[in-house]
Amino acid sequence: MRSGETKSTTFKRLAGSRTNNVIRNIRLLGNLSNKHNYSYSEEDFKRIFTTVESELKLAKSKFLIALNNKNKFNL
């Protein structure tokens, strides 16, 4: 967190940057689908997207858990 920056401002700054990086990398991954430049099997394709989808679900679940924990009892 930068000096004088709120948690919300930090979140928005980092979320915007990281989301744009994810989008850019997904597009780069999609470029690998060009069979004129690359050779891959259906198994390769499935392994890539199973892994990507799994990581996306994990990240999403972390947000959902954090949002749902605000009403939990803590000492």
PDB file of N, CA and C in Angstrom:
ATOM      1  N   MET A   1       0.847  -1.171   0.000  1.00  0.00           N
ATOM      2  CA  MET A   1       0.000   0.000   0.000  1.00  0.00           C
ATOM      3  C   MET A   1       0.895   1.237   0.000  1.00  0.00           C
ATOM      4  N   ARG A   2       0.562   2.152  -0.846  1.00  0.00           N
ATOM      5  CA  ARG A   2       1.329   3.393  -0.927  1.00  0.00           C
ATOM      6  C   ARG A   2       0.967   4.328   0.220  1.00  0.00           C
ATOM      7  N   SER A   3       1.875   5.197   0.552  1.00  0.00           N
ATOM      8  CA  SER A   3       1.666   6.145   1.634  1.00  0.00           C
ATOM      9  C   SER A   3       0.432   7.013   1.354  1.00  0.00           C
ATOM     10  N   GLY A   4      -0.459   7.103   2.327  1.00  0.00           N
ATOM     11  CA  GLY A   4      -1.648   7.926   2.202  1.00  0.00           C
ATOM     12  C   GLY A   4      -2.762   7.287   1.399  1.00  0.00           C
ATOM     13  N   GLU A   5      -2.571   6.060   0.979  1.00  0.00           N
ATOM     14  CA  GLU A   5      -3.566   5.374   0.149  1.00  0.00           C
ATOM     15  C   GLU A   5      -4.473   4.531   1.042  1.00  0.00           C
ATOM     16  N   THR A   6      -5.770   4.575   0.781  1.00  0.00           N
ATOM     17  CA  THR A   6      -6.704   3.769   1.556  1.00  0.00           C
ATOM     18  C   THR A   6      -6.709   2.336   1.032  1.00  0.00           C
ATOM     19  N   LYS A   7      -7.277   1.427   1.823  1.00  0.00           N
ATOM     20  CA  LYS A   7      -7.384   0.033   1.401  1.00  0.00           C
ATOM     21  C   LYS A   7      -8.224  -0.087   0.129  1.00  0.00           C
ATOM     22  N   SER A   8      -9.262   0.705   0.047  1.00  0.00           N
ATOM     23  CA  SER A   8     -10.134   0.682  -1.127  1.00  0.00           C
ATOM     24  C   SER A   8      -9.403   1.171  -2.379  1.00  0.00           C
ATOM     25  N   THR A   9      -8.662   2.244  -2.234  1.00  0.00           N
ATOM     26  CA  THR A   9      -7.896   2.787  -3.358  1.00  0.00           C
ATOM     27  C   THR A   9      -6.834   1.788  -3.811  1.00  0.00           C
ATOM     28  N   THR A  10      -6.162   1.169  -2.842  1.00  0.00           N
ATOM     29  CA  THR A  10      -5.148   0.156  -3.164  1.00  0.00           C
ATOM     30  C   THR A  10      -5.789  -1.012  -3.903  1.00  0.00           C
ATOM     31  N   PHE A  11      -6.935  -1.485  -3.395  1.00  0.00           N
ATOM     32  CA  PHE A  11      -7.643  -2.589  -4.045  1.00  0.00           C
ATOM     33  C   PHE A  11      -7.984  -2.241  -5.486  1.00  0.00           C
ATOM     34  N   LYS A  12      -8.565  -1.074  -5.693  1.00  0.00           N
ATOM     35  CA  LYS A  12      -8.981  -0.678  -7.038  1.00  0.00           C
ATOM     36  C   LYS A  12      -7.785  -0.554  -7.980  1.00  0.00           C
ATOM     37  N   ARG A  13      -6.703   0.001  -7.490  1.00  0.00           N
ATOM     38  CA  ARG A  13      -5.503   0.157  -8.318  1.00  0.00           C
ATOM     39  C   ARG A  13      -4.942  -1.207  -8.706  1.00  0.00           C
ATOM     40  N   LEU A  14      -4.774  -2.078  -7.708  1.00  0.00           N
ATOM     41  CA  LEU A  14      -4.205  -3.392  -7.967  1.00  0.00           C
ATOM     42  C   LEU A  14      -5.154  -4.295  -8.751  1.00  0.00           C
ATOM     43  N   ALA A  15      -6.442  -4.238  -8.425  1.00  0.00           N
ATOM     44  CA  ALA A  15      -7.423  -5.077  -9.134  1.00  0.00           C
ATOM     45  C   ALA A  15      -7.485  -4.702 -10.610  1.00  0.00           C
ATOM     46  N   GLY A  16      -7.455  -3.414 -10.904  1.00  0.00           N
ATOM     47  CA  GLY A  16      -7.473  -2.984 -12.301  1.00  0.00           C
ATOM     48  C   GLY A  16      -6.253  -3.466 -13.053  1.00  0.00           C
ATOM     49  N   SER A  17      -5.102  -3.287 -12.461  1.00  0.00           N
ATOM     50  CA  SER A  17      -3.849  -3.704 -13.092  1.00  0.00           C
ATOM     51  C   SER A  17      -3.787  -5.215 -13.262  1.00  0.00           C
ATOM     52  N   ARG A  18      -4.129  -5.945 -12.217  1.00  0.00           N
ATOM     53  CA  ARG A  18      -4.050  -7.412 -12.277  1.00  0.00           C
ATOM     54  C   ARG A  18      -5.095  -7.999 -13.207  1.00  0.00           C
ATOM     55  N   THR A  19      -6.287  -7.414 -13.244  1.00  0.00           N
ATOM     56  CA  THR A  19      -7.324  -7.885 -14.161  1.00  0.00           C
ATOM     57  C   THR A  19      -6.892  -7.668 -15.600  1.00  0.00           C
ATOM     58  N   ASN A  20      -6.314  -6.510 -15.891  1.00  0.00           N
ATOM     59  CA  ASN A  20      -5.819  -6.253 -17.245  1.00  0.00           C
ATOM     60  C   ASN A  20      -4.708  -7.226 -17.622  1.00  0.00           C
ATOM     61  N   ASN A  21      -3.848  -7.577 -16.663  1.00  0.00           N
ATOM     62  CA  ASN A  21      -2.798  -8.563 -16.925  1.00  0.00           C
ATOM     63  C   ASN A  21      -3.384  -9.940 -17.230  1.00  0.00           C
ATOM     64  N   VAL A  22      -4.410 -10.329 -16.480  1.00  0.00           N
ATOM     65  CA  VAL A  22      -5.072 -11.620 -16.722  1.00  0.00           C
ATOM     66  C   VAL A  22      -5.684 -11.633 -18.124  1.00  0.00           C
ATOM     67  N   ILE A  23      -6.393 -10.573 -18.475  1.00  0.00           N
ATOM     68  CA  ILE A  23      -7.024 -10.485 -19.796  1.00  0.00           C
ATOM     69  C   ILE A  23      -5.972 -10.561 -20.899  1.00  0.00           C
ATOM     70  N   ARG A  24      -4.886  -9.834 -20.728  1.00  0.00           N
ATOM     71  CA  ARG A  24      -3.808  -9.852 -21.728  1.00  0.00           C
ATOM     72  C   ARG A  24      -3.235 -11.259 -21.878  1.00  0.00           C
ATOM     73  N   ASN A  25      -3.007 -11.931 -20.759  1.00  0.00           N
ATOM     74  CA  ASN A  25      -2.441 -13.274 -20.805  1.00  0.00           C
ATOM     75  C   ASN A  25      -3.416 -14.308 -21.366  1.00  0.00           C
ATOM     76  N   ILE A  26      -4.700 -14.145 -21.114  1.00  0.00           N
ATOM     77  CA  ILE A  26      -5.698 -15.039 -21.710  1.00  0.00           C
ATOM     78  C   ILE A  26      -5.703 -14.869 -23.227  1.00  0.00           C
ATOM     79  N   ARG A  27      -5.602 -13.641 -23.686  1.00  0.00           N
ATOM     80  CA  ARG A  27      -5.542 -13.392 -25.124  1.00  0.00           C
ATOM     81  C   ARG A  27      -4.290 -14.002 -25.733  1.00  0.00           C
ATOM     82  N   LEU A  28      -3.167 -13.887 -25.035  1.00  0.00           N
ATOM     83  CA  LEU A  28      -1.933 -14.505 -25.511  1.00  0.00           C
ATOM     84  C   LEU A  28      -2.061 -16.024 -25.547  1.00  0.00           C
ATOM     85  N   LEU A  29      -2.698 -16.585 -24.550  1.00  0.00           N
ATOM     86  CA  LEU A  29      -2.952 -18.026 -24.536  1.00  0.00           C
ATOM     87  C   LEU A  29      -3.813 -18.427 -25.727  1.00  0.00           C
ATOM     88  N   GLY A  30      -4.830 -17.626 -26.015  1.00  0.00           N
ATOM     89  CA  GLY A  30      -5.699 -17.884 -27.164  1.00  0.00           C
ATOM     90  C   GLY A  30      -4.944 -17.855 -28.486  1.00  0.00           C
ATOM     91  N   ASN A  31      -3.894 -17.047 -28.557  1.00  0.00           N
ATOM     92  CA  ASN A  31      -3.090 -17.000 -29.776  1.00  0.00           C
ATOM     93  C   ASN A  31      -2.438 -18.341 -30.084  1.00  0.00           C
ATOM     94  N   LEU A  32      -2.243 -19.168 -29.063  1.00  0.00           N
ATOM     95  CA  LEU A  32      -1.639 -20.484 -29.269  1.00  0.00           C
ATOM     96  C   LEU A  32      -2.562 -21.444 -30.015  1.00  0.00           C
ATOM     97  N   SER A  33      -3.807 -21.064 -30.213  1.00  0.00           N
ATOM     98  CA  SER A  33      -4.759 -21.933 -30.915  1.00  0.00           C
ATOM     99  C   SER A  33      -4.508 -21.994 -32.416  1.00  0.00           C
ATOM    100  N   ASN A  34      -3.657 -21.120 -32.928  1.00  0.00           N
ATOM    101  CA  ASN A  34      -3.369 -21.066 -34.361  1.00  0.00           C
ATOM    102  C   ASN A  34      -2.573 -22.301 -34.781  1.00  0.00           C
ATOM    103  N   LYS A  35      -3.251 -23.255 -35.457  1.00  0.00           N
ATOM    104  CA  LYS A  35      -2.628 -24.514 -35.868  1.00  0.00           C
ATOM    105  C   LYS A  35      -1.565 -24.312 -36.952  1.00  0.00           C
ATOM    106  N   HIS A  36      -1.542 -23.155 -37.600  1.00  0.00           N
ATOM    107  CA  HIS A  36      -0.505 -22.882 -38.598  1.00  0.00           C
ATOM    108  C   HIS A  36       0.841 -22.618 -37.940  1.00  0.00           C
ATOM    109  N   ASN A  37       0.804 -22.150 -36.697  1.00  0.00           N
ATOM    110  CA  ASN A  37       2.038 -21.822 -35.981  1.00  0.00           C
ATOM    111  C   ASN A  37       2.404 -22.815 -34.887  1.00  0.00           C
ATOM    112  N   TYR A  38       1.419 -23.563 -34.383  1.00  0.00           N
ATOM    113  CA  TYR A  38       1.649 -24.426 -33.234  1.00  0.00           C
ATOM    114  C   TYR A  38       1.005 -25.789 -33.451  1.00  0.00           C
ATOM    115  N   SER A  39       1.543 -26.780 -32.761  1.00  0.00           N
ATOM    116  CA  SER A  39       0.986 -28.125 -32.788  1.00  0.00           C
ATOM    117  C   SER A  39       0.635 -28.520 -31.361  1.00  0.00           C
ATOM    118  N   TYR A  40      -0.581 -28.969 -31.157  1.00  0.00           N
ATOM    119  CA  TYR A  40      -1.026 -29.382 -29.825  1.00  0.00           C
ATOM    120  C   TYR A  40      -2.125 -30.419 -29.971  1.00  0.00           C
ATOM    121  N   SER A  41      -2.301 -31.199 -28.932  1.00  0.00           N
ATOM    122  CA  SER A  41      -3.327 -32.239 -28.938  1.00  0.00           C
ATOM    123  C   SER A  41      -4.559 -31.772 -28.171  1.00  0.00           C
ATOM    124  N   GLU A  42      -5.609 -32.528 -28.284  1.00  0.00           N
ATOM    125  CA  GLU A  42      -6.818 -32.227 -27.517  1.00  0.00           C
ATOM    126  C   GLU A  42      -6.519 -32.358 -26.026  1.00  0.00           C
ATOM    127  N   GLU A  43      -5.657 -33.316 -25.681  1.00  0.00           N
ATOM    128  CA  GLU A  43      -5.257 -33.491 -24.281  1.00  0.00           C
ATOM    129  C   GLU A  43      -4.517 -32.248 -23.769  1.00  0.00           C
ATOM    130  N   ASP A  44      -3.626 -31.681 -24.584  1.00  0.00           N
ATOM    131  CA  ASP A  44      -2.926 -30.447 -24.201  1.00  0.00           C
ATOM    132  C   ASP A  44      -3.932 -29.336 -23.924  1.00  0.00           C
ATOM    133  N   PHE A  45      -4.861 -29.173 -24.855  1.00  0.00           N
ATOM    134  CA  PHE A  45      -5.913 -28.155 -24.728  1.00  0.00           C
ATOM    135  C   PHE A  45      -6.700 -28.349 -23.435  1.00  0.00           C
ATOM    136  N   LYS A  46      -7.132 -29.580 -23.176  1.00  0.00           N
ATOM    137  CA  LYS A  46      -7.927 -29.855 -21.981  1.00  0.00           C
ATOM    138  C   LYS A  46      -7.142 -29.590 -20.703  1.00  0.00           C
ATOM    139  N   ARG A  47      -5.862 -29.964 -20.672  1.00  0.00           N
ATOM    140  CA  ARG A  47      -5.046 -29.743 -19.481  1.00  0.00           C
ATOM    141  C   ARG A  47      -4.876 -28.259 -19.197  1.00  0.00           C
ATOM    142  N   ILE A  48      -4.645 -27.477 -20.245  1.00  0.00           N
ATOM    143  CA  ILE A  48      -4.484 -26.034 -20.075  1.00  0.00           C
ATOM    144  C   ILE A  48      -5.739 -25.426 -19.475  1.00  0.00           C
ATOM    145  N   PHE A  49      -6.892 -25.711 -20.085  1.00  0.00           N
ATOM    146  CA  PHE A  49      -8.114 -25.044 -19.647  1.00  0.00           C
ATOM    147  C   PHE A  49      -8.682 -25.618 -18.362  1.00  0.00           C
ATOM    148  N   THR A  50      -8.406 -26.867 -18.057  1.00  0.00           N
ATOM    149  CA  THR A  50      -8.790 -27.415 -16.759  1.00  0.00           C
ATOM    150  C   THR A  50      -8.034 -26.680 -15.653  1.00  0.00           C
ATOM    151  N   THR A  51      -6.748 -26.453 -15.885  1.00  0.00           N
ATOM    152  CA  THR A  51      -5.919 -25.752 -14.898  1.00  0.00           C
ATOM    153  C   THR A  51      -6.347 -24.295 -14.744  1.00  0.00           C
ATOM    154  N   VAL A  52      -6.551 -23.614 -15.856  1.00  0.00           N
ATOM    155  CA  VAL A  52      -6.962 -22.199 -15.808  1.00  0.00           C
ATOM    156  C   VAL A  52      -8.312 -22.065 -15.110  1.00  0.00           C
ATOM    157  N   GLU A  53      -9.272 -22.905 -15.476  1.00  0.00           N
ATOM    158  CA  GLU A  53     -10.604 -22.838 -14.864  1.00  0.00           C
ATOM    159  C   GLU A  53     -10.546 -23.160 -13.381  1.00  0.00           C
ATOM    160  N   SER A  54      -9.707 -24.109 -12.996  1.00  0.00           N
ATOM    161  CA  SER A  54      -9.552 -24.463 -11.588  1.00  0.00           C
ATOM    162  C   SER A  54      -9.002 -23.281 -10.784  1.00  0.00           C
ATOM    163  N   GLU A  55      -7.994 -22.616 -11.313  1.00  0.00           N
ATOM    164  CA  GLU A  55      -7.419 -21.457 -10.624  1.00  0.00           C
ATOM    165  C   GLU A  55      -8.413 -20.302 -10.536  1.00  0.00           C
ATOM    166  N   LEU A  56      -9.202 -20.119 -11.573  1.00  0.00           N
ATOM    167  CA  LEU A  56     -10.215 -19.068 -11.562  1.00  0.00           C
ATOM    168  C   LEU A  56     -11.281 -19.361 -10.504  1.00  0.00           C
ATOM    169  N   LYS A  57     -11.713 -20.618 -10.409  1.00  0.00           N
ATOM    170  CA  LYS A  57     -12.692 -21.004  -9.382  1.00  0.00           C
ATOM    171  C   LYS A  57     -12.123 -20.797  -7.980  1.00  0.00           C
ATOM    172  N   LEU A  58     -10.847 -21.119  -7.801  1.00  0.00           N
ATOM    173  CA  LEU A  58     -10.213 -20.942  -6.501  1.00  0.00           C
ATOM    174  C   LEU A  58     -10.171 -19.462  -6.109  1.00  0.00           C
ATOM    175  N   ALA A  59      -9.772 -18.610  -7.051  1.00  0.00           N
ATOM    176  CA  ALA A  59      -9.731 -17.171  -6.773  1.00  0.00           C
ATOM    177  C   ALA A  59     -11.127 -16.632  -6.458  1.00  0.00           C
ATOM    178  N   LYS A  60     -12.110 -17.077  -7.221  1.00  0.00           N
ATOM    179  CA  LYS A  60     -13.491 -16.625  -6.991  1.00  0.00           C
ATOM    180  C   LYS A  60     -13.976 -17.079  -5.618  1.00  0.00           C
ATOM    181  N   SER A  61     -13.659 -18.308  -5.237  1.00  0.00           N
ATOM    182  CA  SER A  61     -14.108 -18.810  -3.928  1.00  0.00           C
ATOM    183  C   SER A  61     -13.478 -18.021  -2.787  1.00  0.00           C
ATOM    184  N   LYS A  62     -12.243 -17.553  -2.961  1.00  0.00           N
ATOM    185  CA  LYS A  62     -11.609 -16.736  -1.925  1.00  0.00           C
ATOM    186  C   LYS A  62     -12.380 -15.436  -1.700  1.00  0.00           C
ATOM    187  N   PHE A  63     -12.839 -14.828  -2.793  1.00  0.00           N
ATOM    188  CA  PHE A  63     -13.645 -13.610  -2.669  1.00  0.00           C
ATOM    189  C   PHE A  63     -14.974 -13.919  -1.981  1.00  0.00           C
ATOM    190  N   LEU A  64     -15.625 -15.007  -2.372  1.00  0.00           N
ATOM    191  CA  LEU A  64     -16.917 -15.352  -1.782  1.00  0.00           C
ATOM    192  C   LEU A  64     -16.783 -15.667  -0.295  1.00  0.00           C
ATOM    193  N   ILE A  65     -15.731 -16.376   0.074  1.00  0.00           N
ATOM    194  CA  ILE A  65     -15.496 -16.691   1.491  1.00  0.00           C
ATOM    195  C   ILE A  65     -15.265 -15.406   2.280  1.00  0.00           C
ATOM    196  N   ALA A  66     -14.451 -14.508   1.743  1.00  0.00           N
ATOM    197  CA  ALA A  66     -14.174 -13.242   2.434  1.00  0.00           C
ATOM    198  C   ALA A  66     -15.449 -12.420   2.601  1.00  0.00           C
ATOM    199  N   LEU A  67     -16.300 -12.412   1.584  1.00  0.00           N
ATOM    200  CA  LEU A  67     -17.550 -11.650   1.673  1.00  0.00           C
ATOM    201  C   LEU A  67     -18.514 -12.274   2.676  1.00  0.00           C
ATOM    202  N   ASN A  68     -18.543 -13.586   2.761  1.00  0.00           N
ATOM    203  CA  ASN A  68     -19.468 -14.279   3.655  1.00  0.00           C
ATOM    204  C   ASN A  68     -18.984 -14.337   5.089  1.00  0.00           C
ATOM    205  N   ASN A  69     -17.707 -14.096   5.338  1.00  0.00           N
ATOM    206  CA  ASN A  69     -17.162 -14.165   6.691  1.00  0.00           C
ATOM    207  C   ASN A  69     -17.401 -12.913   7.520  1.00  0.00           C
ATOM    208  N   LYS A  70     -17.973 -11.888   6.943  1.00  0.00           N
ATOM    209  CA  LYS A  70     -18.145 -10.639   7.701  1.00  0.00           C
ATOM    210  C   LYS A  70     -19.160 -10.777   8.836  1.00  0.00           C
ATOM    211  N   ASN A  71     -20.004 -11.797   8.797  1.00  0.00           N
ATOM    212  CA  ASN A  71     -20.999 -11.981   9.849  1.00  0.00           C
ATOM    213  C   ASN A  71     -20.611 -13.093  10.834  1.00  0.00           C
ATOM    214  N   LYS A  72     -19.376 -13.558  10.758  1.00  0.00           N
ATOM    215  CA  LYS A  72     -18.912 -14.633  11.636  1.00  0.00           C
ATOM    216  C   LYS A  72     -18.460 -14.059  12.963  1.00  0.00           C
ATOM    217  N   PHE A  73     -18.566 -14.867  14.003  1.00  0.00           N
ATOM    218  CA  PHE A  73     -18.131 -14.476  15.331  1.00  0.00           C
ATOM    219  C   PHE A  73     -16.623 -14.640  15.456  1.00  0.00           C
ATOM    220  N   ASN A  74     -15.946 -13.648  15.974  1.00  0.00           N
ATOM    221  CA  ASN A  74     -14.509 -13.686  16.251  1.00  0.00           C
ATOM    222  C   ASN A  74     -14.260 -13.115  17.631  1.00  0.00           C
ATOM    223  N   LEU A  75     -13.287 -13.673  18.304  1.00  0.00           N
ATOM    224  CA  LEU A  75     -12.879 -13.132  19.619  1.00  0.00           C
ATOM    225  C   LEU A  75     -11.745 -12.174  19.451  1.00  0.00           C
TER     226      LEU A  75
END
